[in-house]
Amino acid sequence: MATPDENSIPDALAVRHDGSMDQGVAAVVAGLAGTMGALAGAMAGVRGARLGALKAVEAARLQVEDQAQAEHRHWVREQRRQAYTRTSHLYVEVLHNLRACADALSQGQRDLAAERQALTNRAVIDLQIAVFDLRLWGPPEIVAVAKDLRRSANRAFDVLVRWRDAVASDQDCEHLLREYNQAVDVLGDPYAEYMRVAADTLGVPSPT
């Protein structure tokens, strides 16, 4: 069978060199470029979403930490308020018992004076414990003024005990009465300072 020569191939089947192949390649390249662009956009979107998620997680973590710190500060403030109030109440109780015991001694009621002295002693001990516990909560300023409360209460109670002992042994008590009155007269000063520092620490208006 005869092999057709090149000149016999129909023009429709002949490979054209008029630029149509270049156009096809350009179309493929353009398609690939579009695909790459879409892929890059998708990756950028994923990266952006990841960064957004990380920022959201970090913001949530900071919010939780801030809330926890705020709750802790509130808890500490409440513990301080209770400790400060207890110390104040115990100091007032000491003053009340000192006065009651002194009244009994002045009226010659020795048995009642002994009873009141025991109550005063208990109140003084409770005050000392409360002042000691204040070191757990601070700040140092409140501990310092609370120690002044304790020293003032101890001083007045010491004079009261010596006064009662003198009464019990029928000794002259005039000088002890004067000493006791002097100790009692200054009990209000450390209390006023204690209340001022307590109010400042708690952030409340100072008592008048």
C-alpha atoms as a PDB file:
ATOM      1  CA  MET A   1       0.000   0.000   0.000  1.00  0.00           C
ATOM      2  CA  ALA A   2       1.434   3.294  -0.907  1.00  0.00           C
ATOM      3  CA  THR A   3       2.474   5.616   1.865  1.00  0.00           C
ATOM      4  CA  PRO A   4       1.114   9.037   1.349  1.00  0.00           C
ATOM      5  CA  ASP A   5       3.737  11.658   1.245  1.00  0.00           C
ATOM      6  CA  GLU A   6       3.747  14.744   3.329  1.00  0.00           C
ATOM      7  CA  ASN A   7       2.240  16.785   0.624  1.00  0.00           C
ATOM      8  CA  SER A   8      -0.885  14.587   0.629  1.00  0.00           C
ATOM      9  CA  ILE A   9      -1.841  15.292   4.332  1.00  0.00           C
ATOM     10  CA  PRO A  10      -4.946  17.431   4.434  1.00  0.00           C
ATOM     11  CA  ASP A  11      -4.418  20.978   5.525  1.00  0.00           C
ATOM     12  CA  ALA A  12      -6.850  20.494   8.448  1.00  0.00           C
ATOM     13  CA  LEU A  13      -4.524  17.856  10.006  1.00  0.00           C
ATOM     14  CA  ALA A  14      -1.330  19.761   9.480  1.00  0.00           C
ATOM     15  CA  VAL A  15       0.419  21.202  12.559  1.00  0.00           C
ATOM     16  CA  ARG A  16       0.031  24.901  12.466  1.00  0.00           C
ATOM     17  CA  HIS A  17       2.854  27.172  13.424  1.00  0.00           C
ATOM     18  CA  ASP A  18       0.760  30.333  13.433  1.00  0.00           C
ATOM     19  CA  GLY A  19       0.872  30.880  17.243  1.00  0.00           C
ATOM     20  CA  SER A  20      -2.110  28.751  18.371  1.00  0.00           C
ATOM     21  CA  MET A  21       0.165  26.538  20.516  1.00  0.00           C
ATOM     22  CA  ASP A  22       1.536  29.597  22.323  1.00  0.00           C
ATOM     23  CA  GLN A  23      -1.993  30.637  23.169  1.00  0.00           C
ATOM     24  CA  GLY A  24      -2.717  27.190  24.641  1.00  0.00           C
ATOM     25  CA  VAL A  25       0.390  27.288  26.802  1.00  0.00           C
ATOM     26  CA  ALA A  26      -0.527  30.772  27.949  1.00  0.00           C
ATOM     27  CA  ALA A  27      -3.969  29.546  28.957  1.00  0.00           C
ATOM     28  CA  VAL A  28      -2.485  26.686  30.954  1.00  0.00           C
ATOM     29  CA  VAL A  29      -0.024  29.010  32.655  1.00  0.00           C
ATOM     30  CA  ALA A  30      -2.797  31.429  33.449  1.00  0.00           C
ATOM     31  CA  GLY A  31      -4.843  28.613  34.919  1.00  0.00           C
ATOM     32  CA  LEU A  32      -1.954  27.474  37.058  1.00  0.00           C
ATOM     33  CA  ALA A  33      -1.328  31.007  38.184  1.00  0.00           C
ATOM     34  CA  GLY A  34      -4.952  31.331  39.178  1.00  0.00           C
ATOM     35  CA  THR A  35      -4.801  28.072  41.077  1.00  0.00           C
ATOM     36  CA  MET A  36      -1.630  29.124  42.859  1.00  0.00           C
ATOM     37  CA  GLY A  37      -3.202  32.442  43.731  1.00  0.00           C
ATOM     38  CA  ALA A  38      -6.270  30.766  45.122  1.00  0.00           C
ATOM     39  CA  LEU A  39      -4.073  28.362  47.109  1.00  0.00           C
ATOM     40  CA  ALA A  40      -2.009  31.228  48.463  1.00  0.00           C
ATOM     41  CA  GLY A  41      -5.171  33.047  49.419  1.00  0.00           C
ATOM     42  CA  ALA A  42      -6.505  29.963  51.132  1.00  0.00           C
ATOM     43  CA  MET A  43      -3.240  29.501  53.064  1.00  0.00           C
ATOM     44  CA  ALA A  44      -3.283  33.153  54.049  1.00  0.00           C
ATOM     45  CA  GLY A  45      -6.839  32.702  55.251  1.00  0.00           C
ATOM     46  CA  VAL A  46      -5.860  29.662  57.298  1.00  0.00           C
ATOM     47  CA  ARG A  47      -2.899  31.538  58.750  1.00  0.00           C
ATOM     48  CA  GLY A  48      -5.101  34.510  59.569  1.00  0.00           C
ATOM     49  CA  ALA A  49      -7.696  32.280  61.181  1.00  0.00           C
ATOM     50  CA  ARG A  50      -4.979  30.589  63.228  1.00  0.00           C
ATOM     51  CA  LEU A  51      -3.564  33.923  64.394  1.00  0.00           C
ATOM     52  CA  GLY A  52      -7.055  35.100  65.211  1.00  0.00           C
ATOM     53  CA  ALA A  53      -7.710  31.959  67.218  1.00  0.00           C
ATOM     54  CA  LEU A  54      -4.415  32.364  69.094  1.00  0.00           C
ATOM     55  CA  LYS A  55      -5.235  35.964  69.896  1.00  0.00           C
ATOM     56  CA  ALA A  56      -8.684  34.951  71.094  1.00  0.00           C
ATOM     57  CA  VAL A  57      -7.179  32.259  73.331  1.00  0.00           C
ATOM     58  CA  GLU A  58      -4.617  34.714  74.723  1.00  0.00           C
ATOM     59  CA  ALA A  59      -7.308  37.315  75.367  1.00  0.00           C
ATOM     60  CA  ALA A  60      -9.431  34.718  77.132  1.00  0.00           C
ATOM     61  CA  ARG A  61      -6.445  33.636  79.236  1.00  0.00           C
ATOM     62  CA  LEU A  62      -5.679  37.209  80.257  1.00  0.00           C
ATOM     63  CA  GLN A  63      -9.328  37.776  81.097  1.00  0.00           C
ATOM     64  CA  VAL A  64      -9.409  34.685  83.290  1.00  0.00           C
ATOM     65  CA  GLU A  65      -6.177  35.741  85.020  1.00  0.00           C
ATOM     66  CA  ASP A  66      -7.482  39.269  85.600  1.00  0.00           C
ATOM     67  CA  GLN A  67     -10.734  37.904  86.991  1.00  0.00           C
ATOM     68  CA  ALA A  68      -8.869  35.493  89.265  1.00  0.00           C
ATOM     69  CA  GLN A  69      -6.641  38.288  90.547  1.00  0.00           C
ATOM     70  CA  ALA A  70      -9.638  40.531  91.141  1.00  0.00           C
ATOM     71  CA  GLU A  71     -11.415  37.779  93.061  1.00  0.00           C
ATOM     72  CA  HIS A  72      -8.278  37.132  95.119  1.00  0.00           C
ATOM     73  CA  ARG A  73      -7.942  40.827  95.972  1.00  0.00           C
ATOM     74  CA  HIS A  74     -11.588  40.892  96.998  1.00  0.00           C
ATOM     75  CA  TRP A  75     -11.075  37.800  99.186  1.00  0.00           C
ATOM     76  CA  VAL A  76      -7.996  39.296 100.871  1.00  0.00           C
ATOM     77  CA  ARG A  77      -9.832  42.559 101.477  1.00  0.00           C
ATOM     78  CA  GLU A  78     -12.719  40.689 103.107  1.00  0.00           C
ATOM     79  CA  GLN A  79     -10.338  38.702 105.318  1.00  0.00           C
ATOM     80  CA  ARG A  80      -8.639  41.929 106.344  1.00  0.00           C
ATOM     81  CA  ARG A  81     -11.951  43.592 107.107  1.00  0.00           C
ATOM     82  CA  GLN A  82     -12.956  40.742 109.391  1.00  0.00           C
ATOM     83  CA  ALA A  83      -9.572  40.673 111.149  1.00  0.00           C
ATOM     84  CA  TYR A  84      -9.511  44.446 111.615  1.00  0.00           C
ATOM     85  CA  THR A  85     -13.070  44.472 112.946  1.00  0.00           C
ATOM     86  CA  ARG A  86     -12.352  41.641 115.379  1.00  0.00           C
ATOM     87  CA  THR A  87      -9.306  43.466 116.750  1.00  0.00           C
ATOM     88  CA  SER A  88     -11.318  46.652 117.149  1.00  0.00           C
ATOM     89  CA  HIS A  89     -14.138  44.869 118.960  1.00  0.00           C
ATOM     90  CA  LEU A  90     -11.730  43.109 121.303  1.00  0.00           C
ATOM     91  CA  TYR A  91     -10.024  46.380 122.181  1.00  0.00           C
ATOM     92  CA  VAL A  92     -13.369  47.946 123.025  1.00  0.00           C
ATOM     93  CA  GLU A  93     -14.179  44.868 125.128  1.00  0.00           C
ATOM     94  CA  VAL A  94     -10.931  45.345 127.031  1.00  0.00           C
ATOM     95  CA  LEU A  95     -11.854  48.983 127.729  1.00  0.00           C
ATOM     96  CA  HIS A  96     -15.317  47.974 128.897  1.00  0.00           C
ATOM     97  CA  ASN A  97     -13.970  45.367 131.313  1.00  0.00           C
ATOM     98  CA  LEU A  98     -11.289  47.724 132.604  1.00  0.00           C
ATOM     99  CA  ARG A  99     -13.938  50.290 133.431  1.00  0.00           C
ATOM    100  CA  ALA A 100     -16.210  47.713 135.076  1.00  0.00           C
ATOM    101  CA  CYS A 101     -13.390  46.367 137.192  1.00  0.00           C
ATOM    102  CA  ALA A 102     -12.289  49.866 138.225  1.00  0.00           C
ATOM    103  CA  ASP A 103     -15.857  50.752 139.203  1.00  0.00           C
ATOM    104  CA  ALA A 104     -16.046  47.641 141.386  1.00  0.00           C
ATOM    105  CA  LEU A 105     -12.758  48.492 143.071  1.00  0.00           C
ATOM    106  CA  SER A 106     -13.823  52.092 143.661  1.00  0.00           C
ATOM    107  CA  GLN A 107     -17.030  50.871 145.314  1.00  0.00           C
ATOM    108  CA  GLY A 108     -15.212  48.335 147.481  1.00  0.00           C
ATOM    109  CA  GLN A 109     -16.856  45.365 145.751  1.00  0.00           C
ATOM    110  CA  ARG A 110     -13.884  43.048 145.911  1.00  0.00           C
ATOM    111  CA  ASP A 111     -15.603  39.891 144.702  1.00  0.00           C
ATOM    112  CA  LEU A 112     -17.086  41.669 141.713  1.00  0.00           C
ATOM    113  CA  ALA A 113     -13.717  43.266 141.031  1.00  0.00           C
ATOM    114  CA  ALA A 114     -12.093  39.826 141.004  1.00  0.00           C
ATOM    115  CA  GLU A 115     -14.712  38.574 138.567  1.00  0.00           C
ATOM    116  CA  ARG A 116     -14.264  41.592 136.318  1.00  0.00           C
ATOM    117  CA  GLN A 117     -10.504  41.226 136.453  1.00  0.00           C
ATOM    118  CA  ALA A 118     -10.749  37.667 135.177  1.00  0.00           C
ATOM    119  CA  LEU A 119     -12.922  38.836 132.284  1.00  0.00           C
ATOM    120  CA  THR A 120     -10.492  41.645 131.525  1.00  0.00           C
ATOM    121  CA  ASN A 121      -7.587  39.230 131.515  1.00  0.00           C
ATOM    122  CA  ARG A 122      -9.407  37.008 129.013  1.00  0.00           C
ATOM    123  CA  ALA A 123     -10.177  39.991 126.793  1.00  0.00           C
ATOM    124  CA  VAL A 124      -6.546  41.131 126.878  1.00  0.00           C
ATOM    125  CA  ILE A 125      -5.355  37.663 125.860  1.00  0.00           C
ATOM    126  CA  ASP A 126      -7.886  37.522 123.016  1.00  0.00           C
ATOM    127  CA  LEU A 127      -6.709  40.944 121.848  1.00  0.00           C
ATOM    128  CA  GLN A 128      -3.101  39.776 121.829  1.00  0.00           C
ATOM    129  CA  ILE A 129      -4.044  36.784 119.670  1.00  0.00           C
ATOM    130  CA  ALA A 130      -6.009  38.978 117.265  1.00  0.00           C
ATOM    131  CA  VAL A 131      -3.082  41.382 116.915  1.00  0.00           C
ATOM    132  CA  PHE A 132      -0.752  38.457 116.278  1.00  0.00           C
ATOM    133  CA  ASP A 133      -3.087  37.130 113.568  1.00  0.00           C
ATOM    134  CA  LEU A 134      -3.049  40.488 111.787  1.00  0.00           C
ATOM    135  CA  ARG A 135       0.434  39.631 110.550  1.00  0.00           C
ATOM    136  CA  LEU A 136      -1.212  37.142 108.192  1.00  0.00           C
ATOM    137  CA  TRP A 137      -3.083  39.909 106.379  1.00  0.00           C
ATOM    138  CA  GLY A 138      -1.046  43.056 106.859  1.00  0.00           C
ATOM    139  CA  PRO A 139      -0.005  45.515 105.746  1.00  0.00           C
ATOM    140  CA  PRO A 140       2.831  46.287 108.180  1.00  0.00           C
ATOM    141  CA  GLU A 141       1.252  49.663 109.040  1.00  0.00           C
ATOM    142  CA  ILE A 142      -1.865  48.062 110.531  1.00  0.00           C
ATOM    143  CA  VAL A 143       0.258  45.572 112.479  1.00  0.00           C
ATOM    144  CA  ALA A 144       2.323  48.411 113.946  1.00  0.00           C
ATOM    145  CA  VAL A 145      -0.682  50.410 115.184  1.00  0.00           C
ATOM    146  CA  ALA A 146      -2.355  47.226 116.443  1.00  0.00           C
ATOM    147  CA  LYS A 147       0.721  46.554 118.571  1.00  0.00           C
ATOM    148  CA  ASP A 148       0.208  50.002 120.085  1.00  0.00           C
ATOM    149  CA  LEU A 149      -3.313  48.891 121.013  1.00  0.00           C
ATOM    150  CA  ARG A 150      -1.955  45.797 122.669  1.00  0.00           C
ATOM    151  CA  ARG A 151       0.709  47.708 124.614  1.00  0.00           C
ATOM    152  CA  SER A 152      -1.804  50.291 125.811  1.00  0.00           C
ATOM    153  CA  ALA A 153      -4.248  47.614 126.951  1.00  0.00           C
ATOM    154  CA  ASN A 154      -1.493  45.664 128.709  1.00  0.00           C
ATOM    155  CA  ARG A 155      -0.266  48.779 130.498  1.00  0.00           C
ATOM    156  CA  ALA A 156      -3.725  49.665 131.809  1.00  0.00           C
ATOM    157  CA  PHE A 157      -4.421  46.080 132.830  1.00  0.00           C
ATOM    158  CA  ASP A 158      -1.094  45.833 134.665  1.00  0.00           C
ATOM    159  CA  VAL A 159      -1.942  48.918 136.717  1.00  0.00           C
ATOM    160  CA  LEU A 160      -5.417  47.523 137.391  1.00  0.00           C
ATOM    161  CA  VAL A 161      -3.972  44.266 138.742  1.00  0.00           C
ATOM    162  CA  ARG A 162      -1.598  46.120 141.055  1.00  0.00           C
ATOM    163  CA  TRP A 163      -4.439  48.347 142.184  1.00  0.00           C
ATOM    164  CA  ARG A 164      -6.658  45.369 143.011  1.00  0.00           C
ATOM    165  CA  ASP A 165      -3.803  43.613 144.831  1.00  0.00           C
ATOM    166  CA  ALA A 166      -3.286  46.746 146.911  1.00  0.00           C
ATOM    167  CA  VAL A 167      -6.986  46.912 147.733  1.00  0.00           C
ATOM    168  CA  ALA A 168      -7.004  43.230 148.689  1.00  0.00           C
ATOM    169  CA  SER A 169      -4.120  43.792 151.121  1.00  0.00           C
ATOM    170  CA  ASP A 170      -5.578  47.058 152.467  1.00  0.00           C
ATOM    171  CA  GLN A 171      -2.671  49.130 151.191  1.00  0.00           C
ATOM    172  CA  ASP A 172      -2.764  52.761 150.183  1.00  0.00           C
ATOM    173  CA  CYS A 173      -4.107  52.871 146.608  1.00  0.00           C
ATOM    174  CA  GLU A 174      -4.143  56.590 145.891  1.00  0.00           C
ATOM    175  CA  HIS A 175      -1.035  56.575 143.716  1.00  0.00           C
ATOM    176  CA  LEU A 176      -2.228  53.469 141.836  1.00  0.00           C
ATOM    177  CA  LEU A 177      -5.584  55.087 141.161  1.00  0.00           C
ATOM    178  CA  ARG A 178      -3.803  58.084 139.619  1.00  0.00           C
ATOM    179  CA  GLU A 179      -1.573  55.807 137.562  1.00  0.00           C
ATOM    180  CA  TYR A 180      -4.563  53.832 136.382  1.00  0.00           C
ATOM    181  CA  ASN A 181      -6.460  56.943 135.333  1.00  0.00           C
ATOM    182  CA  GLN A 182      -3.443  58.144 133.363  1.00  0.00           C
ATOM    183  CA  ALA A 183      -3.193  54.794 131.576  1.00  0.00           C
ATOM    184  CA  VAL A 184      -6.886  54.830 130.738  1.00  0.00           C
ATOM    185  CA  ASP A 185      -6.865  58.435 129.536  1.00  0.00           C
ATOM    186  CA  VAL A 186      -4.494  57.614 126.657  1.00  0.00           C
ATOM    187  CA  LEU A 187      -6.298  54.483 125.478  1.00  0.00           C
ATOM    188  CA  GLY A 188      -8.276  56.430 122.908  1.00  0.00           C
ATOM    189  CA  ASP A 189      -5.230  57.731 120.986  1.00  0.00           C
ATOM    190  CA  PRO A 190      -3.913  54.414 119.627  1.00  0.00           C
ATOM    191  CA  TYR A 191      -7.466  53.314 118.880  1.00  0.00           C
ATOM    192  CA  ALA A 192      -8.119  56.387 116.736  1.00  0.00           C
ATOM    193  CA  GLU A 193      -4.890  55.798 114.817  1.00  0.00           C
ATOM    194  CA  TYR A 194      -5.696  52.126 114.366  1.00  0.00           C
ATOM    195  CA  MET A 195      -9.108  52.918 112.921  1.00  0.00           C
ATOM    196  CA  ARG A 196      -7.603  55.487 110.553  1.00  0.00           C
ATOM    197  CA  VAL A 197      -5.036  53.037 109.168  1.00  0.00           C
ATOM    198  CA  ALA A 198      -7.643  50.285 108.902  1.00  0.00           C
ATOM    199  CA  ALA A 199      -9.986  52.555 106.940  1.00  0.00           C
ATOM    200  CA  ASP A 200      -7.180  53.681 104.616  1.00  0.00           C
ATOM    201  CA  THR A 201      -6.131  50.094 103.964  1.00  0.00           C
ATOM    202  CA  LEU A 202      -9.657  48.978 103.174  1.00  0.00           C
ATOM    203  CA  GLY A 203     -10.355  52.055 101.082  1.00  0.00           C
ATOM    204  CA  VAL A 204     -13.329  53.231 103.109  1.00  0.00           C
ATOM    205  CA  PRO A 205     -14.036  56.659 104.627  1.00  0.00           C
ATOM    206  CA  SER A 206     -12.176  57.192 107.869  1.00  0.00           C
ATOM    207  CA  PRO A 207     -14.394  57.120 110.971  1.00  0.00           C
ATOM    208  CA  THR A 208     -15.065  60.460 112.580  1.00  0.00           C
END
